[in-house]
Amino acid sequence: MTFISENNADNGATATGVLTLRMEYLDAAGDEQTEDITMNGTTGVNTTATDIRFINDLYSLTVGSNGVAEGNIRVYKTGADT
């Protein structure tokens, strides 16, 4: 999966928007897993996991000074972020 924001302020450095996300998902075997994703603004960030069957929950883990996302955060199948 690839995560990307429409606003560069959603960045894992010292930005004002979402810095990291937590994804709770089911893997190919149906087991529950979690992965933390460090955002990089308008640059797509791929998950480490490649066997994601279903995303159960996705939420902001850490945020900058504004306390919310600065733009829409989109999720794509890796390689399909158009």
PDB file of N, CA and C in Angstrom:
ATOM      1  N   MET A   1       0.846  -1.159   0.000  1.00  0.00           N
ATOM      2  CA  MET A   1       0.000   0.000   0.000  1.00  0.00           C
ATOM      3  C   MET A   1       0.899   1.232   0.000  1.00  0.00           C
ATOM      4  N   THR A   2       0.392   2.286  -0.591  1.00  0.00           N
ATOM      5  CA  THR A   2       1.087   3.565  -0.611  1.00  0.00           C
ATOM      6  C   THR A   2       0.179   4.619  -0.001  1.00  0.00           C
ATOM      7  N   PHE A   3       0.737   5.419   0.901  1.00  0.00           N
ATOM      8  CA  PHE A   3       0.014   6.511   1.547  1.00  0.00           C
ATOM      9  C   PHE A   3       0.598   7.820   1.054  1.00  0.00           C
ATOM     10  N   ILE A   4      -0.279   8.768   0.707  1.00  0.00           N
ATOM     11  CA  ILE A   4       0.171  10.058   0.191  1.00  0.00           C
ATOM     12  C   ILE A   4      -0.830  11.130   0.616  1.00  0.00           C
ATOM     13  N   SER A   5      -0.318  12.311   0.930  1.00  0.00           N
ATOM     14  CA  SER A   5      -1.175  13.426   1.317  1.00  0.00           C
ATOM     15  C   SER A   5      -1.276  14.415   0.168  1.00  0.00           C
ATOM     16  N   GLU A   6      -2.334  15.206   0.184  1.00  0.00           N
ATOM     17  CA  GLU A   6      -2.486  16.279  -0.794  1.00  0.00           C
ATOM     18  C   GLU A   6      -1.802  17.558  -0.318  1.00  0.00           C
ATOM     19  N   ASN A   7      -1.198  17.527   0.879  1.00  0.00           N
ATOM     20  CA  ASN A   7      -0.571  18.723   1.439  1.00  0.00           C
ATOM     21  C   ASN A   7       0.780  18.356   2.022  1.00  0.00           C
ATOM     22  N   ASN A   8       1.811  19.109   1.673  1.00  0.00           N
ATOM     23  CA  ASN A   8       3.161  18.821   2.120  1.00  0.00           C
ATOM     24  C   ASN A   8       3.335  18.981   3.628  1.00  0.00           C
ATOM     25  N   ALA A   9       2.401  19.648   4.323  1.00  0.00           N
ATOM     26  CA  ALA A   9       2.506  19.828   5.774  1.00  0.00           C
ATOM     27  C   ALA A   9       2.227  18.533   6.537  1.00  0.00           C
ATOM     28  N   ASP A  10       1.666  17.510   5.864  1.00  0.00           N
ATOM     29  CA  ASP A  10       1.521  16.187   6.468  1.00  0.00           C
ATOM     30  C   ASP A  10       2.823  15.449   6.206  1.00  0.00           C
ATOM     31  N   ASN A  11       3.776  15.651   7.085  1.00  0.00           N
ATOM     32  CA  ASN A  11       5.132  15.188   6.849  1.00  0.00           C
ATOM     33  C   ASN A  11       5.718  14.721   8.167  1.00  0.00           C
ATOM     34  N   GLY A  12       6.464  13.639   8.123  1.00  0.00           N
ATOM     35  CA  GLY A  12       7.015  13.056   9.338  1.00  0.00           C
ATOM     36  C   GLY A  12       8.129  13.836   9.992  1.00  0.00           C
ATOM     37  N   ALA A  13       8.531  14.939   9.442  1.00  0.00           N
ATOM     38  CA  ALA A  13       9.624  15.715  10.041  1.00  0.00           C
ATOM     39  C   ALA A  13       9.081  16.582  11.177  1.00  0.00           C
ATOM     40  N   THR A  14       9.035  17.880  10.990  1.00  0.00           N
ATOM     41  CA  THR A  14       8.535  18.797  12.029  1.00  0.00           C
ATOM     42  C   THR A  14       7.370  19.606  11.495  1.00  0.00           C
ATOM     43  N   ALA A  15       6.508  18.979  10.763  1.00  0.00           N
ATOM     44  CA  ALA A  15       5.401  19.665  10.105  1.00  0.00           C
ATOM     45  C   ALA A  15       4.237  19.892  11.060  1.00  0.00           C
ATOM     46  N   THR A  16       3.194  20.535  10.547  1.00  0.00           N
ATOM     47  CA  THR A  16       2.030  20.880  11.364  1.00  0.00           C
ATOM     48  C   THR A  16       0.910  19.856  11.272  1.00  0.00           C
ATOM     49  N   GLY A  17       0.922  19.005  10.263  1.00  0.00           N
ATOM     50  CA  GLY A  17      -0.163  18.041  10.062  1.00  0.00           C
ATOM     51  C   GLY A  17       0.155  16.676  10.641  1.00  0.00           C
ATOM     52  N   VAL A  18      -0.330  15.633   9.979  1.00  0.00           N
ATOM     53  CA  VAL A  18      -0.106  14.262  10.436  1.00  0.00           C
ATOM     54  C   VAL A  18       1.360  13.889  10.228  1.00  0.00           C
ATOM     55  N   LEU A  19       1.980  13.392  11.280  1.00  0.00           N
ATOM     56  CA  LEU A  19       3.368  12.957  11.194  1.00  0.00           C
ATOM     57  C   LEU A  19       3.443  11.450  10.966  1.00  0.00           C
ATOM     58  N   THR A  20       2.677  10.693  11.748  1.00  0.00           N
ATOM     59  CA  THR A  20       2.647   9.241  11.567  1.00  0.00           C
ATOM     60  C   THR A  20       1.217   8.721  11.653  1.00  0.00           C
ATOM     61  N   LEU A  21       0.981   7.633  10.935  1.00  0.00           N
ATOM     62  CA  LEU A  21      -0.297   6.920  10.947  1.00  0.00           C
ATOM     63  C   LEU A  21      -0.078   5.535  11.537  1.00  0.00           C
ATOM     64  N   ARG A  22      -1.121   4.969  12.123  1.00  0.00           N
ATOM     65  CA  ARG A  22      -1.091   3.557  12.505  1.00  0.00           C
ATOM     66  C   ARG A  22      -2.157   2.841  11.687  1.00  0.00           C
ATOM     67  N   MET A  23      -1.727   1.777  11.024  1.00  0.00           N
ATOM     68  CA  MET A  23      -2.627   0.954  10.226  1.00  0.00           C
ATOM     69  C   MET A  23      -2.783  -0.397  10.922  1.00  0.00           C
ATOM     70  N   GLU A  24      -4.018  -0.790  11.182  1.00  0.00           N
ATOM     71  CA  GLU A  24      -4.328  -2.118  11.704  1.00  0.00           C
ATOM     72  C   GLU A  24      -4.969  -2.887  10.562  1.00  0.00           C
ATOM     73  N   TYR A  25      -4.439  -4.061  10.266  1.00  0.00           N
ATOM     74  CA  TYR A  25      -4.883  -4.777   9.073  1.00  0.00           C
ATOM     75  C   TYR A  25      -4.838  -6.284   9.279  1.00  0.00           C
ATOM     76  N   LEU A  26      -5.448  -6.992   8.334  1.00  0.00           N
ATOM     77  CA  LEU A  26      -5.353  -8.446   8.275  1.00  0.00           C
ATOM     78  C   LEU A  26      -4.365  -8.806   7.182  1.00  0.00           C
ATOM     79  N   ASP A  27      -3.452  -9.737   7.496  1.00  0.00           N
ATOM     80  CA  ASP A  27      -2.497 -10.173   6.480  1.00  0.00           C
ATOM     81  C   ASP A  27      -3.110 -11.296   5.642  1.00  0.00           C
ATOM     82  N   ALA A  28      -2.336 -11.841   4.732  1.00  0.00           N
ATOM     83  CA  ALA A  28      -2.840 -12.856   3.806  1.00  0.00           C
ATOM     84  C   ALA A  28      -3.349 -14.103   4.522  1.00  0.00           C
ATOM     85  N   ALA A  29      -2.819 -14.382   5.724  1.00  0.00           N
ATOM     86  CA  ALA A  29      -3.256 -15.546   6.501  1.00  0.00           C
ATOM     87  C   ALA A  29      -4.469 -15.232   7.373  1.00  0.00           C
ATOM     88  N   GLY A  30      -4.909 -13.964   7.369  1.00  0.00           N
ATOM     89  CA  GLY A  30      -6.044 -13.558   8.180  1.00  0.00           C
ATOM     90  C   GLY A  30      -5.670 -13.147   9.595  1.00  0.00           C
ATOM     91  N   ASP A  31      -4.367 -13.017   9.862  1.00  0.00           N
ATOM     92  CA  ASP A  31      -3.895 -12.613  11.186  1.00  0.00           C
ATOM     93  C   ASP A  31      -3.869 -11.099  11.305  1.00  0.00           C
ATOM     94  N   GLU A  32      -4.219 -10.592  12.495  1.00  0.00           N
ATOM     95  CA  GLU A  32      -4.193  -9.150  12.740  1.00  0.00           C
ATOM     96  C   GLU A  32      -2.752  -8.663  12.867  1.00  0.00           C
ATOM     97  N   GLN A  33      -2.471  -7.536  12.232  1.00  0.00           N
ATOM     98  CA  GLN A  33      -1.141  -6.935  12.251  1.00  0.00           C
ATOM     99  C   GLN A  33      -1.285  -5.428  12.407  1.00  0.00           C
ATOM    100  N   THR A  34      -0.206  -4.755  12.791  1.00  0.00           N
ATOM    101  CA  THR A  34      -0.173  -3.292  12.802  1.00  0.00           C
ATOM    102  C   THR A  34       1.114  -2.826  12.147  1.00  0.00           C
ATOM    103  N   GLU A  35       1.045  -1.639  11.576  1.00  0.00           N
ATOM    104  CA  GLU A  35       2.240  -1.000  11.019  1.00  0.00           C
ATOM    105  C   GLU A  35       2.098   0.501  11.193  1.00  0.00           C
ATOM    106  N   ASP A  36       3.181   1.134  11.626  1.00  0.00           N
ATOM    107  CA  ASP A  36       3.222   2.586  11.742  1.00  0.00           C
ATOM    108  C   ASP A  36       3.878   3.156  10.493  1.00  0.00           C
ATOM    109  N   ILE A  37       3.266   4.192   9.930  1.00  0.00           N
ATOM    110  CA  ILE A  37       3.726   4.803   8.682  1.00  0.00           C
ATOM    111  C   ILE A  37       4.111   6.247   8.955  1.00  0.00           C
ATOM    112  N   THR A  38       5.341   6.616   8.623  1.00  0.00           N
ATOM    113  CA  THR A  38       5.795   7.999   8.755  1.00  0.00           C
ATOM    114  C   THR A  38       5.482   8.724   7.460  1.00  0.00           C
ATOM    115  N   MET A  39       4.647   9.737   7.541  1.00  0.00           N
ATOM    116  CA  MET A  39       4.233  10.474   6.353  1.00  0.00           C
ATOM    117  C   MET A  39       5.389  11.300   5.793  1.00  0.00           C
ATOM    118  N   ASN A  40       5.315  11.587   4.488  1.00  0.00           N
ATOM    119  CA  ASN A  40       6.339  12.372   3.805  1.00  0.00           C
ATOM    120  C   ASN A  40       5.677  13.396   2.885  1.00  0.00           C
ATOM    121  N   GLY A  41       4.647  14.058   3.392  1.00  0.00           N
ATOM    122  CA  GLY A  41       3.971  15.097   2.617  1.00  0.00           C
ATOM    123  C   GLY A  41       3.361  14.552   1.348  1.00  0.00           C
ATOM    124  N   THR A  42       3.637  15.211   0.231  1.00  0.00           N
ATOM    125  CA  THR A  42       3.054  14.819  -1.051  1.00  0.00           C
ATOM    126  C   THR A  42       3.853  13.727  -1.761  1.00  0.00           C
ATOM    127  N   THR A  43       4.858  13.181  -1.089  1.00  0.00           N
ATOM    128  CA  THR A  43       5.619  12.051  -1.618  1.00  0.00           C
ATOM    129  C   THR A  43       5.036  10.768  -1.044  1.00  0.00           C
ATOM    130  N   GLY A  44       4.722   9.823  -1.886  1.00  0.00           N
ATOM    131  CA  GLY A  44       4.130   8.568  -1.435  1.00  0.00           C
ATOM    132  C   GLY A  44       5.055   7.781  -0.528  1.00  0.00           C
ATOM    133  N   VAL A  45       4.476   7.104   0.447  1.00  0.00           N
ATOM    134  CA  VAL A  45       5.216   6.260   1.381  1.00  0.00           C
ATOM    135  C   VAL A  45       4.636   4.855   1.300  1.00  0.00           C
ATOM    136  N   ASN A  46       5.481   3.881   0.976  1.00  0.00           N
ATOM    137  CA  ASN A  46       5.037   2.494   0.884  1.00  0.00           C
ATOM    138  C   ASN A  46       5.072   1.828   2.251  1.00  0.00           C
ATOM    139  N   THR A  47       4.144   0.917   2.472  1.00  0.00           N
ATOM    140  CA  THR A  47       4.182   0.122   3.693  1.00  0.00           C
ATOM    141  C   THR A  47       5.302  -0.901   3.587  1.00  0.00           C
ATOM    142  N   THR A  48       5.749  -1.373   4.744  1.00  0.00           N
ATOM    143  CA  THR A  48       6.720  -2.464   4.765  1.00  0.00           C
ATOM    144  C   THR A  48       6.025  -3.766   4.396  1.00  0.00           C
ATOM    145  N   ALA A  49       4.825  -3.943   4.923  1.00  0.00           N
ATOM    146  CA  ALA A  49       4.049  -5.159   4.650  1.00  0.00           C
ATOM    147  C   ALA A  49       3.616  -5.202   3.189  1.00  0.00           C
ATOM    148  N   THR A  50       3.681  -6.380   2.627  1.00  0.00           N
ATOM    149  CA  THR A  50       3.239  -6.566   1.241  1.00  0.00           C
ATOM    150  C   THR A  50       2.075  -7.551   1.144  1.00  0.00           C
ATOM    151  N   ASP A  51       1.655  -8.085   2.294  1.00  0.00           N
ATOM    152  CA  ASP A  51       0.594  -9.099   2.304  1.00  0.00           C
ATOM    153  C   ASP A  51      -0.676  -8.581   2.974  1.00  0.00           C
ATOM    154  N   ILE A  52      -1.024  -7.326   2.706  1.00  0.00           N
ATOM    155  CA  ILE A  52      -2.197  -6.704   3.321  1.00  0.00           C
ATOM    156  C   ILE A  52      -3.451  -7.166   2.584  1.00  0.00           C
ATOM    157  N   ARG A  53      -4.316  -7.838   3.311  1.00  0.00           N
ATOM    158  CA  ARG A  53      -5.566  -8.308   2.718  1.00  0.00           C
ATOM    159  C   ARG A  53      -6.689  -7.297   2.941  1.00  0.00           C
ATOM    160  N   PHE A  54      -6.739  -6.718   4.158  1.00  0.00           N
ATOM    161  CA  PHE A  54      -7.840  -5.828   4.503  1.00  0.00           C
ATOM    162  C   PHE A  54      -7.380  -4.857   5.584  1.00  0.00           C
ATOM    163  N   ILE A  55      -7.651  -3.563   5.409  1.00  0.00           N
ATOM    164  CA  ILE A  55      -7.340  -2.573   6.439  1.00  0.00           C
ATOM    165  C   ILE A  55      -8.535  -2.479   7.379  1.00  0.00           C
ATOM    166  N   ASN A  56      -8.306  -2.789   8.653  1.00  0.00           N
ATOM    167  CA  ASN A  56      -9.360  -2.711   9.672  1.00  0.00           C
ATOM    168  C   ASN A  56      -9.522  -1.298  10.193  1.00  0.00           C
ATOM    169  N   ASP A  57      -8.412  -0.606  10.415  1.00  0.00           N
ATOM    170  CA  ASP A  57      -8.457   0.730  11.003  1.00  0.00           C
ATOM    171  C   ASP A  57      -7.210   1.494  10.582  1.00  0.00           C
ATOM    172  N   LEU A  58      -7.357   2.794  10.461  1.00  0.00           N
ATOM    173  CA  LEU A  58      -6.250   3.670  10.098  1.00  0.00           C
ATOM    174  C   LEU A  58      -6.476   4.982  10.820  1.00  0.00           C
ATOM    175  N   TYR A  59      -5.492   5.409  11.608  1.00  0.00           N
ATOM    176  CA  TYR A  59      -5.671   6.635  12.381  1.00  0.00           C
ATOM    177  C   TYR A  59      -4.347   7.348  12.594  1.00  0.00           C
ATOM    178  N   SER A  60      -4.440   8.630  12.923  1.00  0.00           N
ATOM    179  CA  SER A  60      -3.255   9.437  13.210  1.00  0.00           C
ATOM    180  C   SER A  60      -2.655   8.961  14.518  1.00  0.00           C
ATOM    181  N   LEU A  61      -1.367   8.678  14.487  1.00  0.00           N
ATOM    182  CA  LEU A  61      -0.658   8.267  15.693  1.00  0.00           C
ATOM    183  C   LEU A  61       0.006   9.477  16.342  1.00  0.00           C
ATOM    184  N   THR A  62       0.656  10.295  15.518  1.00  0.00           N
ATOM    185  CA  THR A  62       1.234  11.552  16.003  1.00  0.00           C
ATOM    186  C   THR A  62       0.905  12.655  15.009  1.00  0.00           C
ATOM    187  N   VAL A  63       0.712  13.858  15.540  1.00  0.00           N
ATOM    188  CA  VAL A  63       0.386  15.013  14.706  1.00  0.00           C
ATOM    189  C   VAL A  63       1.255  16.193  15.121  1.00  0.00           C
ATOM    190  N   GLY A  64       1.367  17.161  14.218  1.00  0.00           N
ATOM    191  CA  GLY A  64       2.108  18.379  14.506  1.00  0.00           C
ATOM    192  C   GLY A  64       1.255  19.378  15.267  1.00  0.00           C
ATOM    193  N   SER A  65       1.655  20.632  15.218  1.00  0.00           N
ATOM    194  CA  SER A  65       1.041  21.674  16.047  1.00  0.00           C
ATOM    195  C   SER A  65      -0.428  21.945  15.730  1.00  0.00           C
ATOM    196  N   ASN A  66      -0.893  21.664  14.514  1.00  0.00           N
ATOM    197  CA  ASN A  66      -2.305  21.890  14.190  1.00  0.00           C
ATOM    198  C   ASN A  66      -3.218  20.795  14.724  1.00  0.00           C
ATOM    199  N   GLY A  67      -2.671  19.639  15.013  1.00  0.00           N
ATOM    200  CA  GLY A  67      -3.448  18.563  15.613  1.00  0.00           C
ATOM    201  C   GLY A  67      -4.302  17.747  14.668  1.00  0.00           C
ATOM    202  N   VAL A  68      -4.294  18.088  13.381  1.00  0.00           N
ATOM    203  CA  VAL A  68      -5.101  17.372  12.386  1.00  0.00           C
ATOM    204  C   VAL A  68      -4.331  17.292  11.075  1.00  0.00           C
ATOM    205  N   ALA A  69      -4.830  16.470  10.153  1.00  0.00           N
ATOM    206  CA  ALA A  69      -4.239  16.398   8.818  1.00  0.00           C
ATOM    207  C   ALA A  69      -4.419  17.737   8.108  1.00  0.00           C
ATOM    208  N   GLU A  70      -3.423  18.132   7.350  1.00  0.00           N
ATOM    209  CA  GLU A  70      -3.496  19.372   6.574  1.00  0.00           C
ATOM    210  C   GLU A  70      -4.166  19.150   5.222  1.00  0.00           C
ATOM    211  N   GLY A  71      -4.184  17.925   4.756  1.00  0.00           N
ATOM    212  CA  GLY A  71      -4.812  17.596   3.476  1.00  0.00           C
ATOM    213  C   GLY A  71      -5.424  16.212   3.555  1.00  0.00           C
ATOM    214  N   ASN A  72      -6.099  15.804   2.491  1.00  0.00           N
ATOM    215  CA  ASN A  72      -6.635  14.446   2.427  1.00  0.00           C
ATOM    216  C   ASN A  72      -5.480  13.468   2.306  1.00  0.00           C
ATOM    217  N   ILE A  73      -5.555  12.374   3.034  1.00  0.00           N
ATOM    218  CA  ILE A  73      -4.548  11.323   2.940  1.00  0.00           C
ATOM    219  C   ILE A  73      -5.175  10.178   2.169  1.00  0.00           C
ATOM    220  N   ARG A  74      -4.527   9.817   1.074  1.00  0.00           N
ATOM    221  CA  ARG A  74      -5.064   8.789   0.189  1.00  0.00           C
ATOM    222  C   ARG A  74      -4.254   7.503   0.320  1.00  0.00           C
ATOM    223  N   VAL A  75      -4.917   6.380   0.090  1.00  0.00           N
ATOM    224  CA  VAL A  75      -4.290   5.066   0.148  1.00  0.00           C
ATOM    225  C   VAL A  75      -4.451   4.407  -1.214  1.00  0.00           C
ATOM    226  N   TYR A  76      -3.340   3.893  -1.741  1.00  0.00           N
ATOM    227  CA  TYR A  76      -3.350   3.232  -3.045  1.00  0.00           C
ATOM    228  C   TYR A  76      -2.661   1.879  -2.951  1.00  0.00           C
ATOM    229  N   LYS A  77      -2.995   1.021  -3.865  1.00  0.00           N
ATOM    230  CA  LYS A  77      -2.197  -0.175  -4.064  1.00  0.00           C
ATOM    231  C   LYS A  77      -0.837   0.301  -4.557  1.00  0.00           C
ATOM    232  N   THR A  78       0.244  -0.248  -4.021  1.00  0.00           N
ATOM    233  CA  THR A  78       1.586   0.182  -4.415  1.00  0.00           C
ATOM    234  C   THR A  78       1.740   0.111  -5.931  1.00  0.00           C
ATOM    235  N   GLY A  79       2.216   1.209  -6.508  1.00  0.00           N
ATOM    236  CA  GLY A  79       2.403   1.295  -7.946  1.00  0.00           C
ATOM    237  C   GLY A  79       1.219   1.888  -8.685  1.00  0.00           C
ATOM    238  N   ALA A  80       0.118   2.133  -7.976  1.00  0.00           N
ATOM    239  CA  ALA A  80      -1.087   2.655  -8.623  1.00  0.00           C
ATOM    240  C   ALA A  80      -1.439   4.057  -8.138  1.00  0.00           C
ATOM    241  N   ASP A  81      -0.490   4.784  -7.567  1.00  0.00           N
ATOM    242  CA  ASP A  81      -0.767   6.112  -6.993  1.00  0.00           C
ATOM    243  C   ASP A  81      -0.757   7.187  -8.069  1.00  0.00           C
ATOM    244  N   THR A  82      -1.849   7.274  -8.809  1.00  0.00           N
ATOM    245  CA  THR A  82      -1.953   8.263  -9.878  1.00  0.00           C
ATOM    246  C   THR A  82      -2.941   9.339  -9.525  1.00  0.00           C
TER     247      THR A  82
END
